[in-house]
Amino acid sequence: MEEIRLQKRMSELGLCSRREAERLISEGKVKVNGKVVTEMGVKVTSNDVIELEGNVVKSNTKTVTYLFNKPIGVVSTAKDDRGRTTVIDFFTKEKTRLYPVGRLDFNTSGLLLVSNDGELTNLVTHPSTHLNKTYFVTLDSFVKDEHIKELEKGVLLEDGLTQPAEIELKFRSMNKTQLQITIHEGRNRQVRRMFEHFDYHVKALNRDSIGFLTLDGVKRGEYRLLTEEEVNKLKKMCLTNKEKNIIPSYKIKNK
């Protein structure tokens, strides 16, 4: 019988992401066969009994994924120790235990997937899948053409060189610039840090799309269930990019 790491098993069961599972394990909130586990190297099989915060975990009979339009001022976690509103607070009507797929900053709005599908979560958040994410950015100053071109080629941040991006200029004046930027990485605060590299201040940031998924028909603070076809298409896109190591090349589009 195959053995896999405990955090991976928890993700496959739809309990949480692997990152969240690691946090729960380190905090002593997970038991395997009645014993508290706090180390990351523990492996389990499908026969092992897993308890999370005192509740025996059972395999989900159905995985679900929702497309959520996150408002500003909401935390992209299942729980927050500071008492702030989390994305999961918007899903109180759903009976399934859910968690956010990746993150959006507290002050960033827009498209965020919420799911109990461990396979989808791992594919969407893994850097090797190069899944495109498009943001609408508002800055409080005039953004120079030469900086746009450098952003498209990649800029050196403290965690390395960013990969090529696509930028479409929407509006520009002396005290305001609006543009769309498409990236295929998932670094922390990446879009904001890319503009901060040139001393620009991001006034507003909204994620418009992930892959082929958009916010069409979903109002702020609301969500919709993805169809099975959409989930399968998203997984296939991630797997194709990963297998072929597809990284899009972009050209600037000024309007």
Protein backbone atom coordinates (compact mmCIF):
# COMPACT_ATOMS: atom_id res chain seq x y z
CA MET A 1 0.00 0.00 0.00
CA GLU A 2 1.38 3.38 -1.05
CA GLU A 3 2.68 5.71 1.64
CA ILE A 4 2.56 9.47 1.18
CA ARG A 5 3.43 12.43 3.38
CA LEU A 6 0.75 13.41 5.87
CA GLN A 7 0.40 16.97 4.52
CA LYS A 8 -0.15 15.64 1.00
CA ARG A 9 -2.77 13.19 2.25
CA MET A 10 -4.58 16.00 4.06
CA SER A 11 -4.59 18.03 0.86
CA GLU A 12 -5.91 15.11 -1.18
CA LEU A 13 -8.72 14.66 1.34
CA GLY A 14 -9.78 18.23 0.69
CA LEU A 15 -9.00 19.47 4.19
CA CYS A 16 -6.65 22.29 3.28
CA SER A 17 -3.68 23.19 1.13
CA ARG A 18 -0.34 21.52 1.84
CA ARG A 19 0.98 24.77 3.31
CA GLU A 20 -1.98 25.00 5.67
CA ALA A 21 -1.57 21.32 6.55
CA GLU A 22 2.04 21.92 7.54
CA ARG A 23 0.95 24.75 9.82
CA LEU A 24 -1.72 22.59 11.48
CA ILE A 25 0.75 19.75 11.98
CA SER A 26 3.38 22.02 13.51
CA GLU A 27 0.75 23.41 15.91
CA GLY A 28 -0.09 19.90 17.15
CA LYS A 29 -3.63 19.91 15.79
CA VAL A 30 -3.31 16.68 13.80
CA LYS A 31 -3.36 13.09 15.06
CA VAL A 32 -2.56 9.89 13.19
CA ASN A 33 -3.98 6.71 14.71
CA GLY A 34 -4.61 8.56 17.97
CA LYS A 35 -1.14 10.09 18.31
CA VAL A 36 -0.31 13.77 17.87
CA VAL A 37 2.04 14.41 14.94
CA THR A 38 4.20 17.54 14.84
CA GLU A 39 6.89 16.55 12.33
CA MET A 40 6.66 17.02 8.56
CA GLY A 41 8.29 13.73 7.51
CA VAL A 42 5.53 11.39 8.71
CA LYS A 43 4.03 9.18 6.00
CA VAL A 44 0.58 7.62 6.02
CA THR A 45 -1.53 5.19 4.00
CA SER A 46 -5.23 5.21 3.19
CA ASN A 47 -5.79 2.88 6.17
CA ASP A 48 -4.41 5.32 8.74
CA VAL A 49 -6.95 7.31 10.78
CA ILE A 50 -6.33 11.05 10.65
CA GLU A 51 -7.87 13.44 13.17
CA LEU A 52 -7.93 17.20 12.71
CA GLU A 53 -8.64 19.27 15.80
CA GLY A 54 -10.37 16.29 17.43
CA ASN A 55 -12.48 15.29 14.44
CA VAL A 56 -11.86 12.09 12.49
CA VAL A 57 -11.29 12.91 8.83
CA LYS A 58 -13.28 11.08 6.21
CA SER A 59 -12.66 11.15 2.47
CA ASN A 60 -14.73 13.66 0.60
CA THR A 61 -17.26 12.02 -1.69
CA LYS A 62 -17.25 15.07 -3.94
CA THR A 63 -14.73 17.79 -4.72
CA VAL A 64 -15.96 21.30 -5.45
CA THR A 65 -14.27 24.48 -6.63
CA TYR A 66 -15.74 27.97 -6.50
CA LEU A 67 -14.75 31.14 -8.32
CA PHE A 68 -14.88 33.96 -5.75
CA ASN A 69 -14.74 37.71 -6.34
CA LYS A 70 -12.73 38.78 -3.29
CA PRO A 71 -13.35 42.25 -1.82
CA ILE A 72 -10.58 44.46 -0.45
CA GLY A 73 -9.96 44.00 3.28
CA VAL A 74 -10.51 40.24 3.32
CA VAL A 75 -7.82 37.75 4.34
CA SER A 76 -7.08 34.84 1.97
CA THR A 77 -7.03 32.19 4.70
CA ALA A 78 -9.53 29.86 6.32
CA LYS A 79 -8.98 31.41 9.77
CA ASP A 80 -7.40 34.60 11.07
CA ASP A 81 -5.99 34.94 14.59
CA ARG A 82 -6.56 38.71 14.45
CA GLY A 83 -10.29 38.34 13.94
CA ARG A 84 -10.35 39.76 10.42
CA THR A 85 -12.87 38.65 7.80
CA THR A 86 -11.59 35.70 5.76
CA VAL A 87 -12.68 34.44 2.35
CA ILE A 88 -14.21 31.38 4.00
CA ASP A 89 -16.58 33.64 5.96
CA PHE A 90 -18.41 34.17 2.64
CA PHE A 91 -19.09 30.42 2.30
CA THR A 92 -21.08 29.74 5.48
CA LYS A 93 -23.94 28.22 3.46
CA GLU A 94 -21.65 25.53 2.05
CA LYS A 95 -21.38 22.35 4.12
CA THR A 96 -18.01 21.26 2.70
CA ARG A 97 -14.76 22.25 4.40
CA LEU A 98 -13.12 24.71 1.98
CA TYR A 99 -9.86 26.63 1.69
CA PRO A 100 -8.49 29.29 -0.66
CA VAL A 101 -6.35 28.18 -3.60
CA GLY A 102 -3.34 30.46 -3.31
CA ARG A 103 -3.72 33.98 -2.01
CA LEU A 104 -4.62 37.56 -2.78
CA ASP A 105 -3.23 40.34 -0.61
CA PHE A 106 -5.45 41.96 2.02
CA ASN A 107 -5.65 45.13 -0.13
CA THR A 108 -6.05 43.31 -3.45
CA SER A 109 -9.45 42.38 -4.86
CA GLY A 110 -10.60 40.03 -7.58
CA LEU A 111 -10.62 36.42 -8.68
CA LEU A 112 -9.68 33.78 -6.14
CA LEU A 113 -10.46 30.08 -6.31
CA VAL A 114 -11.86 28.39 -3.22
CA SER A 115 -11.92 24.59 -3.17
CA ASN A 116 -11.55 21.25 -1.42
CA ASP A 117 -9.78 19.72 -4.44
CA GLY A 118 -6.21 18.95 -3.42
CA GLU A 119 -5.11 18.00 -6.93
CA LEU A 120 -6.38 21.24 -8.42
CA THR A 121 -4.85 23.28 -5.61
CA ASN A 122 -1.41 21.77 -6.10
CA LEU A 123 -1.55 22.26 -9.88
CA VAL A 124 -2.77 25.87 -9.79
CA THR A 125 -0.31 26.99 -7.11
CA HIS A 126 2.77 25.11 -8.33
CA PRO A 127 5.23 27.45 -10.09
CA SER A 128 6.05 24.90 -12.82
CA THR A 129 2.54 25.15 -14.31
CA HIS A 130 3.05 28.79 -15.37
CA LEU A 131 -0.67 29.57 -15.11
CA ASN A 132 -1.47 33.04 -16.43
CA LYS A 133 -2.94 35.59 -14.02
CA THR A 134 -4.14 38.99 -15.25
CA TYR A 135 -4.44 42.06 -13.02
CA PHE A 136 -5.89 45.54 -13.53
CA VAL A 137 -3.52 48.04 -11.91
CA THR A 138 -4.09 51.69 -10.99
CA LEU A 139 -1.02 53.78 -10.12
CA ASP A 140 -0.93 57.35 -8.84
CA SER A 141 1.65 58.66 -11.33
CA PHE A 142 2.80 58.60 -14.95
CA VAL A 143 4.49 55.28 -15.80
CA LYS A 144 7.34 55.68 -18.28
CA ASP A 145 7.52 53.62 -21.48
CA GLU A 146 11.02 52.41 -20.71
CA HIS A 147 9.86 51.04 -17.35
CA ILE A 148 6.95 49.22 -19.01
CA LYS A 149 9.38 47.59 -21.42
CA GLU A 150 11.65 46.53 -18.56
CA LEU A 151 8.71 45.08 -16.66
CA GLU A 152 7.79 43.05 -19.74
CA LYS A 153 11.29 41.65 -20.05
CA GLY A 154 11.61 40.92 -16.32
CA VAL A 155 12.96 42.86 -13.36
CA LEU A 156 15.30 41.73 -10.61
CA LEU A 157 13.53 41.53 -7.25
CA GLU A 158 14.97 40.36 -3.94
CA ASP A 159 13.76 36.81 -4.70
CA GLY A 160 15.09 36.71 -8.26
CA LEU A 161 14.36 37.84 -11.80
CA THR A 162 10.70 37.91 -12.78
CA GLN A 163 9.66 36.09 -15.92
CA PRO A 164 8.34 37.99 -18.98
CA ALA A 165 5.00 39.75 -18.51
CA GLU A 166 2.40 41.18 -20.86
CA ILE A 167 1.33 44.78 -20.28
CA GLU A 168 -1.55 46.58 -21.97
CA LEU A 169 -1.74 50.31 -21.29
CA LYS A 170 -5.32 51.49 -20.70
CA PHE A 171 -4.97 55.10 -19.52
CA ARG A 172 -2.14 57.44 -18.68
CA SER A 173 -1.87 61.03 -17.42
CA MET A 174 0.62 62.94 -15.30
CA ASN A 175 -0.91 61.71 -12.03
CA LYS A 176 -2.56 58.42 -13.00
CA THR A 177 -1.82 55.27 -15.00
CA GLN A 178 -4.10 52.29 -15.53
CA LEU A 179 -2.96 49.10 -17.18
CA GLN A 180 -3.42 45.36 -17.36
CA ILE A 181 -0.52 43.08 -16.54
CA THR A 182 -0.40 39.33 -17.10
CA ILE A 183 2.10 37.23 -15.19
CA HIS A 184 2.48 33.47 -14.78
CA GLU A 185 4.20 33.31 -11.42
CA GLY A 186 2.76 33.36 -7.93
CA ARG A 187 5.28 35.20 -5.79
CA ASN A 188 4.17 37.09 -2.70
CA ARG A 189 2.97 40.62 -3.62
CA GLN A 190 4.65 40.19 -6.99
CA VAL A 191 2.76 42.78 -9.04
CA ARG A 192 3.10 45.44 -6.36
CA ARG A 193 6.81 44.72 -5.94
CA MET A 194 7.41 44.88 -9.68
CA PHE A 195 6.13 48.46 -9.78
CA GLU A 196 7.75 49.38 -6.47
CA HIS A 197 11.05 48.39 -8.12
CA PHE A 198 10.71 51.65 -10.11
CA ASP A 199 9.33 53.60 -7.12
CA TYR A 200 5.74 53.54 -8.38
CA HIS A 201 2.88 53.26 -5.89
CA VAL A 202 0.02 50.87 -6.68
CA LYS A 203 -3.18 52.61 -5.69
CA ALA A 204 -5.54 49.75 -6.58
CA LEU A 205 -5.04 46.17 -7.73
CA ASN A 206 -7.64 43.71 -8.98
CA ARG A 207 -7.10 40.22 -10.37
CA ASP A 208 -9.30 39.89 -13.45
CA SER A 209 -8.55 36.34 -14.51
CA ILE A 210 -6.76 33.06 -13.85
CA GLY A 211 -6.10 31.06 -17.00
CA PHE A 212 -9.36 31.15 -18.99
CA LEU A 213 -11.49 31.95 -15.92
CA THR A 214 -12.82 35.50 -15.55
CA LEU A 215 -15.07 37.41 -13.15
CA ASP A 216 -17.87 37.77 -15.71
CA GLY A 217 -21.23 37.61 -13.95
CA VAL A 218 -19.75 37.37 -10.45
CA LYS A 219 -20.24 40.47 -8.30
CA ARG A 220 -17.83 41.55 -5.57
CA GLY A 221 -18.22 39.33 -2.51
CA GLU A 222 -20.09 36.65 -4.44
CA TYR A 223 -19.07 33.34 -5.98
CA ARG A 224 -20.12 30.63 -8.42
CA LEU A 225 -19.46 26.91 -8.65
CA LEU A 226 -17.10 25.83 -11.42
CA THR A 227 -18.45 23.17 -13.74
CA GLU A 228 -16.74 19.80 -14.03
CA GLU A 229 -15.68 20.80 -17.55
CA GLU A 230 -14.05 23.99 -16.27
CA VAL A 231 -12.17 22.15 -13.53
CA ASN A 232 -10.91 19.51 -15.95
CA LYS A 233 -9.89 22.16 -18.48
CA LEU A 234 -7.96 24.07 -15.82
CA LYS A 235 -6.17 20.93 -14.66
CA LYS A 236 -5.33 19.97 -18.23
CA MET A 237 -3.94 23.46 -18.91
CA CYS A 238 -1.67 23.25 -15.86
CA LEU A 239 -0.47 19.75 -16.72
CA THR A 240 0.23 20.71 -20.34
CA ASN A 241 2.25 23.76 -19.31
CA LYS A 242 4.17 21.71 -16.77
CA GLU A 243 4.97 18.84 -19.13
CA LYS A 244 6.00 21.09 -22.01
CA ASN A 245 7.53 23.77 -19.76
CA ILE A 246 5.45 26.39 -21.57
CA ILE A 247 6.27 29.97 -20.62
CA PRO A 248 4.41 32.55 -22.75
CA SER A 249 6.33 35.29 -24.51
CA TYR A 250 4.63 38.67 -24.56
CA LYS A 251 4.63 41.86 -26.60
CA ILE A 252 3.58 45.30 -25.40
CA LYS A 253 0.19 46.63 -26.47
CA ASN A 254 -0.20 50.37 -26.04
CA LYS A 255 -3.58 51.98 -26.57
